[in-house]
Amino acid sequence: MKVRYVHTNIVTKDWQRLAAFYQQALDCERLEPGLDIGGKWLADGTGVPDAKLTGIHLRLPGYGTTG
């Protein structure tokens, strides 16, 4: 059985800087479009009033175009 690492969310105040680090250090590929989401469902799910997520997905090397 082959096990592959799939997904992690990292929360930070400066997501652009963190994304740049992973792109440089691990050769991650930036996936567009970016994220800019929020709403009642997110506030309810997190317990944070007016919660909003802004950021980007990064793909680790070796996962191809669908990973």
N, C-alpha and C. Protein backbone atom coordinates (compact mmCIF):
# COMPACT_ATOMS: atom_id res chain seq x y z
N MET A 1 0.83 -1.17 0.00
CA MET A 1 0.00 0.00 0.00
C MET A 1 0.88 1.24 0.00
N LYS A 2 0.64 2.14 -0.95
CA LYS A 2 1.39 3.38 -1.05
C LYS A 2 0.61 4.51 -0.38
N VAL A 3 1.23 5.20 0.55
CA VAL A 3 0.60 6.31 1.25
C VAL A 3 1.27 7.60 0.79
N ARG A 4 0.45 8.60 0.46
CA ARG A 4 0.98 9.89 0.03
C ARG A 4 0.43 11.00 0.91
N TYR A 5 1.28 11.97 1.18
CA TYR A 5 0.89 13.16 1.90
C TYR A 5 -0.05 13.96 1.00
N VAL A 6 -1.16 14.46 1.56
CA VAL A 6 -2.16 15.09 0.71
C VAL A 6 -2.41 16.56 1.02
N HIS A 7 -2.67 16.95 2.27
CA HIS A 7 -3.16 18.30 2.50
C HIS A 7 -2.88 18.77 3.93
N THR A 8 -2.46 20.03 4.03
CA THR A 8 -2.32 20.70 5.32
C THR A 8 -2.72 22.16 5.14
N ASN A 9 -3.39 22.72 6.11
CA ASN A 9 -3.67 24.15 6.14
C ASN A 9 -2.76 24.79 7.18
N ILE A 10 -2.12 25.90 6.81
CA ILE A 10 -1.28 26.64 7.74
C ILE A 10 -1.83 28.06 7.82
N VAL A 11 -2.09 28.52 9.03
CA VAL A 11 -2.64 29.86 9.24
C VAL A 11 -1.52 30.79 9.69
N THR A 12 -1.43 31.94 9.03
CA THR A 12 -0.40 32.92 9.36
C THR A 12 -0.89 34.32 9.02
N LYS A 13 -0.29 35.30 9.62
CA LYS A 13 -0.65 36.69 9.32
C LYS A 13 -0.12 37.12 7.96
N ASP A 14 0.98 36.53 7.49
CA ASP A 14 1.61 36.93 6.23
C ASP A 14 1.70 35.71 5.30
N TRP A 15 0.58 35.35 4.69
CA TRP A 15 0.54 34.14 3.86
C TRP A 15 1.41 34.28 2.62
N GLN A 16 1.57 35.49 2.09
CA GLN A 16 2.41 35.66 0.90
C GLN A 16 3.86 35.30 1.21
N ARG A 17 4.34 35.73 2.36
CA ARG A 17 5.72 35.42 2.75
C ARG A 17 5.90 33.93 2.99
N LEU A 18 4.93 33.31 3.66
CA LEU A 18 5.02 31.87 3.92
C LEU A 18 4.97 31.09 2.61
N ALA A 19 4.08 31.47 1.69
CA ALA A 19 4.00 30.80 0.40
C ALA A 19 5.31 30.93 -0.37
N ALA A 20 5.90 32.12 -0.35
CA ALA A 20 7.19 32.34 -1.03
C ALA A 20 8.28 31.44 -0.44
N PHE A 21 8.27 31.28 0.88
CA PHE A 21 9.24 30.38 1.51
C PHE A 21 9.10 28.96 0.98
N TYR A 22 7.86 28.43 0.96
CA TYR A 22 7.65 27.06 0.48
C TYR A 22 7.97 26.91 -1.00
N GLN A 23 7.71 27.95 -1.77
CA GLN A 23 8.06 27.89 -3.18
C GLN A 23 9.57 27.84 -3.36
N GLN A 24 10.30 28.62 -2.57
CA GLN A 24 11.75 28.65 -2.68
C GLN A 24 12.39 27.42 -2.04
N ALA A 25 11.99 27.07 -0.84
CA ALA A 25 12.65 25.99 -0.10
C ALA A 25 12.29 24.60 -0.61
N LEU A 26 11.03 24.40 -1.01
CA LEU A 26 10.58 23.06 -1.41
C LEU A 26 10.18 22.97 -2.88
N ASP A 27 10.34 24.05 -3.62
CA ASP A 27 9.99 24.10 -5.04
C ASP A 27 8.50 23.81 -5.27
N CYS A 28 7.66 24.29 -4.35
CA CYS A 28 6.22 24.12 -4.50
C CYS A 28 5.71 24.99 -5.64
N GLU A 29 4.66 24.52 -6.28
CA GLU A 29 4.04 25.24 -7.38
C GLU A 29 2.79 25.97 -6.89
N ARG A 30 2.70 27.24 -7.19
CA ARG A 30 1.54 28.05 -6.82
C ARG A 30 0.37 27.71 -7.74
N LEU A 31 -0.80 27.46 -7.15
CA LEU A 31 -2.00 27.13 -7.92
C LEU A 31 -2.96 28.31 -7.90
N GLU A 32 -3.43 28.68 -9.04
CA GLU A 32 -4.40 29.78 -9.16
C GLU A 32 -5.78 29.18 -9.42
N PRO A 33 -6.83 29.83 -9.07
CA PRO A 33 -6.87 31.14 -8.43
C PRO A 33 -6.57 31.03 -6.94
N GLY A 34 -6.28 32.16 -6.35
CA GLY A 34 -6.07 32.21 -4.90
C GLY A 34 -7.38 32.04 -4.16
N LEU A 35 -7.30 32.09 -2.84
CA LEU A 35 -8.48 31.93 -1.99
C LEU A 35 -8.85 33.27 -1.36
N ASP A 36 -10.11 33.58 -1.37
CA ASP A 36 -10.63 34.77 -0.69
C ASP A 36 -12.08 34.44 -0.35
N ILE A 37 -12.26 33.72 0.75
CA ILE A 37 -13.59 33.20 1.08
C ILE A 37 -14.00 33.56 2.50
N GLY A 38 -15.28 33.58 2.71
CA GLY A 38 -15.83 33.85 4.02
C GLY A 38 -17.34 33.69 3.97
N GLY A 39 -17.97 33.97 5.05
CA GLY A 39 -19.42 33.87 5.11
C GLY A 39 -19.88 33.20 6.39
N LYS A 40 -21.16 33.09 6.52
CA LYS A 40 -21.76 32.51 7.73
C LYS A 40 -21.27 31.09 7.97
N TRP A 41 -21.16 30.30 6.90
CA TRP A 41 -20.74 28.90 7.04
C TRP A 41 -19.35 28.81 7.66
N LEU A 42 -18.45 29.73 7.28
CA LEU A 42 -17.09 29.72 7.82
C LEU A 42 -17.09 30.21 9.27
N ALA A 43 -17.85 31.25 9.55
CA ALA A 43 -17.95 31.76 10.92
C ALA A 43 -18.55 30.69 11.84
N ASP A 44 -19.58 30.02 11.37
CA ASP A 44 -20.19 28.95 12.16
C ASP A 44 -19.22 27.79 12.38
N GLY A 45 -18.48 27.43 11.34
CA GLY A 45 -17.56 26.30 11.43
C GLY A 45 -16.34 26.56 12.28
N THR A 46 -15.91 27.82 12.34
CA THR A 46 -14.71 28.15 13.10
C THR A 46 -15.02 28.74 14.46
N GLY A 47 -16.23 29.25 14.63
CA GLY A 47 -16.57 29.94 15.87
C GLY A 47 -16.00 31.35 15.93
N VAL A 48 -15.50 31.84 14.79
CA VAL A 48 -14.92 33.18 14.71
C VAL A 48 -15.88 34.08 13.94
N PRO A 49 -16.45 35.08 14.59
CA PRO A 49 -17.37 35.97 13.88
C PRO A 49 -16.66 36.64 12.70
N ASP A 50 -17.35 36.72 11.57
CA ASP A 50 -16.81 37.36 10.36
C ASP A 50 -15.49 36.74 9.89
N ALA A 51 -15.32 35.43 10.10
CA ALA A 51 -14.11 34.74 9.67
C ALA A 51 -13.93 34.87 8.16
N LYS A 52 -12.67 35.00 7.74
CA LYS A 52 -12.34 35.11 6.32
C LYS A 52 -11.02 34.40 6.08
N LEU A 53 -10.93 33.68 4.97
CA LEU A 53 -9.68 33.00 4.59
C LEU A 53 -9.17 33.62 3.29
N THR A 54 -7.93 34.03 3.31
CA THR A 54 -7.27 34.56 2.12
C THR A 54 -5.94 33.85 1.99
N GLY A 55 -5.63 33.37 0.79
CA GLY A 55 -4.36 32.67 0.62
C GLY A 55 -4.25 32.00 -0.73
N ILE A 56 -3.49 30.93 -0.78
CA ILE A 56 -3.19 30.23 -2.03
C ILE A 56 -2.94 28.76 -1.72
N HIS A 57 -3.25 27.90 -2.68
CA HIS A 57 -2.86 26.50 -2.59
C HIS A 57 -1.49 26.34 -3.24
N LEU A 58 -0.68 25.48 -2.66
CA LEU A 58 0.63 25.14 -3.22
C LEU A 58 0.69 23.64 -3.46
N ARG A 59 1.30 23.24 -4.56
CA ARG A 59 1.45 21.81 -4.87
C ARG A 59 2.91 21.42 -4.64
N LEU A 60 3.11 20.35 -3.88
CA LEU A 60 4.46 19.83 -3.66
C LEU A 60 4.98 19.20 -4.93
N PRO A 61 6.30 19.22 -5.14
CA PRO A 61 6.89 18.58 -6.31
C PRO A 61 6.56 17.08 -6.33
N GLY A 62 6.40 16.54 -7.52
CA GLY A 62 6.16 15.11 -7.68
C GLY A 62 4.70 14.71 -7.72
N TYR A 63 3.79 15.65 -7.61
CA TYR A 63 2.37 15.31 -7.62
C TYR A 63 1.71 15.50 -8.97
N GLY A 64 2.46 15.95 -9.97
CA GLY A 64 1.89 16.13 -11.30
C GLY A 64 0.86 17.25 -11.33
N THR A 65 0.14 17.33 -12.43
CA THR A 65 -0.81 18.44 -12.62
C THR A 65 -2.13 18.21 -11.91
N THR A 66 -2.38 17.02 -11.38
CA THR A 66 -3.65 16.75 -10.73
C THR A 66 -3.52 16.54 -9.23
N GLY A 67 -2.31 16.61 -8.70
CA GLY A 67 -2.09 16.32 -7.29
C GLY A 67 -2.30 17.50 -6.41
